[in-house]
Amino acid sequence: MPDAQTTALLRAILDELCCDIPRFDSSTRTSVASQLLATVQQGKSSIEDLKRAGKVALRRSPTIWR
C-alpha cells in the first residue's frame, strides 16, 4: 500500500489524466488507477513514469469520450 504522499500523487495524476473523462465513466478511471498502482508496485514512482503509464492505460481503454 502506497504511503500518504504517494497516494496523493497518484490521485493528482489520475485526476489530471482523466480530466476529460466523465466521473461516471468509472471503468476508464479504474483502468488508469490500476495501471498507476501497478507502476508504483514495479518501483517506478516518478511523475513522468506515472503519467506515461496512465496515458498508455487511457489509450487501451475503449471509450467514446476521447
N, C-alpha and C. Protein backbone atom coordinates (compact mmCIF):
# COMPACT_ATOMS: atom_id res chain seq x y z
N MET A 1 0.83 -1.17 0.00
CA MET A 1 0.00 0.00 0.00
C MET A 1 0.88 1.24 0.00
N PRO A 2 0.65 2.15 -0.94
CA PRO A 2 1.47 3.37 -1.01
C PRO A 2 1.28 4.24 0.23
N ASP A 3 2.32 5.00 0.56
CA ASP A 3 2.21 5.92 1.68
C ASP A 3 1.32 7.10 1.30
N ALA A 4 1.05 7.97 2.26
CA ALA A 4 0.12 9.09 2.04
C ALA A 4 0.60 10.03 0.94
N GLN A 5 1.88 10.28 0.88
CA GLN A 5 2.42 11.19 -0.14
C GLN A 5 2.27 10.57 -1.54
N THR A 6 2.56 9.30 -1.68
CA THR A 6 2.42 8.63 -2.96
C THR A 6 0.95 8.54 -3.37
N THR A 7 0.09 8.27 -2.40
CA THR A 7 -1.35 8.22 -2.67
C THR A 7 -1.85 9.56 -3.19
N ALA A 8 -1.41 10.64 -2.59
CA ALA A 8 -1.80 11.97 -3.04
C ALA A 8 -1.30 12.23 -4.46
N LEU A 9 -0.08 11.80 -4.75
CA LEU A 9 0.48 11.96 -6.09
C LEU A 9 -0.33 11.16 -7.10
N LEU A 10 -0.64 9.91 -6.76
CA LEU A 10 -1.44 9.07 -7.67
C LEU A 10 -2.81 9.69 -7.95
N ARG A 11 -3.45 10.20 -6.92
CA ARG A 11 -4.76 10.83 -7.09
C ARG A 11 -4.66 12.06 -7.99
N ALA A 12 -3.64 12.86 -7.79
CA ALA A 12 -3.47 14.07 -8.61
C ALA A 12 -3.23 13.71 -10.07
N ILE A 13 -2.41 12.71 -10.31
CA ILE A 13 -2.13 12.29 -11.68
C ILE A 13 -3.38 11.67 -12.30
N LEU A 14 -4.10 10.86 -11.55
CA LEU A 14 -5.35 10.28 -12.05
C LEU A 14 -6.33 11.38 -12.44
N ASP A 15 -6.50 12.37 -11.58
CA ASP A 15 -7.41 13.47 -11.88
C ASP A 15 -6.96 14.26 -13.11
N GLU A 16 -5.66 14.47 -13.22
CA GLU A 16 -5.13 15.21 -14.38
C GLU A 16 -5.35 14.43 -15.68
N LEU A 17 -5.02 13.16 -15.66
CA LEU A 17 -5.14 12.36 -16.88
C LEU A 17 -6.60 12.13 -17.28
N CYS A 18 -7.47 12.08 -16.30
CA CYS A 18 -8.88 11.79 -16.58
C CYS A 18 -9.76 13.04 -16.52
N CYS A 19 -9.16 14.20 -16.66
CA CYS A 19 -9.93 15.45 -16.54
C CYS A 19 -11.04 15.55 -17.60
N ASP A 20 -10.86 14.92 -18.75
CA ASP A 20 -11.87 14.97 -19.80
C ASP A 20 -12.79 13.75 -19.78
N ILE A 21 -12.56 12.85 -18.85
CA ILE A 21 -13.38 11.65 -18.73
C ILE A 21 -14.45 11.93 -17.68
N PRO A 22 -15.71 11.75 -18.03
CA PRO A 22 -16.77 12.00 -17.03
C PRO A 22 -16.60 11.10 -15.81
N ARG A 23 -16.93 11.62 -14.65
CA ARG A 23 -16.79 10.87 -13.39
C ARG A 23 -17.57 9.56 -13.42
N PHE A 24 -18.68 9.53 -14.17
CA PHE A 24 -19.49 8.30 -14.19
C PHE A 24 -18.86 7.20 -15.04
N ASP A 25 -17.81 7.53 -15.79
CA ASP A 25 -17.11 6.51 -16.58
C ASP A 25 -16.07 5.85 -15.67
N SER A 26 -16.58 5.09 -14.73
CA SER A 26 -15.69 4.52 -13.71
C SER A 26 -14.76 3.44 -14.27
N SER A 27 -15.15 2.79 -15.35
CA SER A 27 -14.27 1.73 -15.88
C SER A 27 -12.96 2.31 -16.42
N THR A 28 -13.04 3.45 -17.08
CA THR A 28 -11.82 4.07 -17.59
C THR A 28 -10.95 4.56 -16.44
N ARG A 29 -11.57 5.24 -15.49
CA ARG A 29 -10.81 5.74 -14.34
C ARG A 29 -10.19 4.58 -13.56
N THR A 30 -10.93 3.48 -13.41
CA THR A 30 -10.42 2.31 -12.70
C THR A 30 -9.23 1.71 -13.43
N SER A 31 -9.32 1.65 -14.75
CA SER A 31 -8.22 1.11 -15.56
C SER A 31 -6.96 1.94 -15.38
N VAL A 32 -7.11 3.25 -15.43
CA VAL A 32 -5.96 4.14 -15.26
C VAL A 32 -5.40 4.02 -13.85
N ALA A 33 -6.27 4.01 -12.85
CA ALA A 33 -5.83 3.89 -11.46
C ALA A 33 -5.08 2.58 -11.23
N SER A 34 -5.59 1.50 -11.80
CA SER A 34 -4.93 0.20 -11.66
C SER A 34 -3.54 0.21 -12.27
N GLN A 35 -3.42 0.85 -13.42
CA GLN A 35 -2.12 0.92 -14.07
C GLN A 35 -1.15 1.78 -13.26
N LEU A 36 -1.65 2.86 -12.67
CA LEU A 36 -0.80 3.70 -11.83
C LEU A 36 -0.30 2.91 -10.63
N LEU A 37 -1.18 2.16 -9.99
CA LEU A 37 -0.77 1.35 -8.84
C LEU A 37 0.24 0.28 -9.24
N ALA A 38 0.01 -0.36 -10.37
CA ALA A 38 0.93 -1.38 -10.85
C ALA A 38 2.31 -0.78 -11.12
N THR A 39 2.33 0.43 -11.64
CA THR A 39 3.59 1.11 -11.92
C THR A 39 4.35 1.37 -10.63
N VAL A 40 3.65 1.83 -9.60
CA VAL A 40 4.30 2.08 -8.31
C VAL A 40 4.81 0.77 -7.72
N GLN A 41 4.05 -0.30 -7.86
CA GLN A 41 4.47 -1.59 -7.32
C GLN A 41 5.71 -2.12 -8.04
N GLN A 42 5.95 -1.66 -9.27
CA GLN A 42 7.15 -2.04 -10.01
C GLN A 42 8.34 -1.18 -9.61
N GLY A 43 8.12 -0.27 -8.68
CA GLY A 43 9.21 0.58 -8.20
C GLY A 43 9.40 1.85 -9.00
N LYS A 44 8.46 2.16 -9.86
CA LYS A 44 8.54 3.37 -10.67
C LYS A 44 7.53 4.37 -10.12
N SER A 45 8.03 5.43 -9.52
CA SER A 45 7.12 6.38 -8.90
C SER A 45 7.39 7.83 -9.29
N SER A 46 8.19 8.03 -10.33
CA SER A 46 8.41 9.41 -10.77
C SER A 46 7.15 9.89 -11.49
N ILE A 47 6.96 11.17 -11.49
CA ILE A 47 5.79 11.75 -12.16
C ILE A 47 5.77 11.36 -13.63
N GLU A 48 6.92 11.38 -14.26
CA GLU A 48 7.00 11.03 -15.69
C GLU A 48 6.59 9.58 -15.94
N ASP A 49 7.10 8.67 -15.10
CA ASP A 49 6.75 7.25 -15.25
C ASP A 49 5.25 7.04 -15.05
N LEU A 50 4.70 7.68 -14.05
CA LEU A 50 3.28 7.51 -13.75
C LEU A 50 2.39 8.09 -14.86
N LYS A 51 2.74 9.27 -15.34
CA LYS A 51 1.95 9.86 -16.43
C LYS A 51 2.03 9.00 -17.69
N ARG A 52 3.21 8.50 -17.98
CA ARG A 52 3.37 7.64 -19.16
C ARG A 52 2.50 6.40 -19.03
N ALA A 53 2.53 5.76 -17.88
CA ALA A 53 1.73 4.55 -17.65
C ALA A 53 0.24 4.86 -17.73
N GLY A 54 -0.16 5.98 -17.17
CA GLY A 54 -1.57 6.37 -17.22
C GLY A 54 -2.05 6.66 -18.63
N LYS A 55 -1.20 7.28 -19.42
CA LYS A 55 -1.57 7.57 -20.82
C LYS A 55 -1.70 6.29 -21.63
N VAL A 56 -0.85 5.32 -21.34
CA VAL A 56 -0.96 4.01 -22.02
C VAL A 56 -2.30 3.38 -21.67
N ALA A 57 -2.67 3.42 -20.40
CA ALA A 57 -3.95 2.85 -19.96
C ALA A 57 -5.12 3.58 -20.62
N LEU A 58 -5.02 4.87 -20.78
CA LEU A 58 -6.09 5.63 -21.45
C LEU A 58 -6.23 5.22 -22.91
N ARG A 59 -5.11 5.02 -23.58
CA ARG A 59 -5.17 4.62 -24.99
C ARG A 59 -5.77 3.23 -25.15
N ARG A 60 -5.52 2.36 -24.18
CA ARG A 60 -6.03 0.99 -24.25
C ARG A 60 -7.50 0.88 -23.87
N SER A 61 -7.98 1.84 -23.11
CA SER A 61 -9.34 1.78 -22.60
C SER A 61 -10.34 2.22 -23.67
N PRO A 62 -11.29 1.37 -24.03
CA PRO A 62 -12.28 1.79 -25.03
C PRO A 62 -13.24 2.81 -24.41
N THR A 63 -13.36 3.93 -25.07
CA THR A 63 -14.26 4.97 -24.58
C THR A 63 -14.68 5.87 -25.73
N ILE A 64 -15.86 6.40 -25.63
CA ILE A 64 -16.34 7.34 -26.64
C ILE A 64 -15.99 8.77 -26.30
N TRP A 65 -15.32 8.97 -25.15
CA TRP A 65 -15.07 10.32 -24.65
C TRP A 65 -13.77 10.91 -25.15
N ARG A 66 -13.01 10.22 -25.94
CA ARG A 66 -11.75 10.78 -26.43
C ARG A 66 -11.97 11.68 -27.60
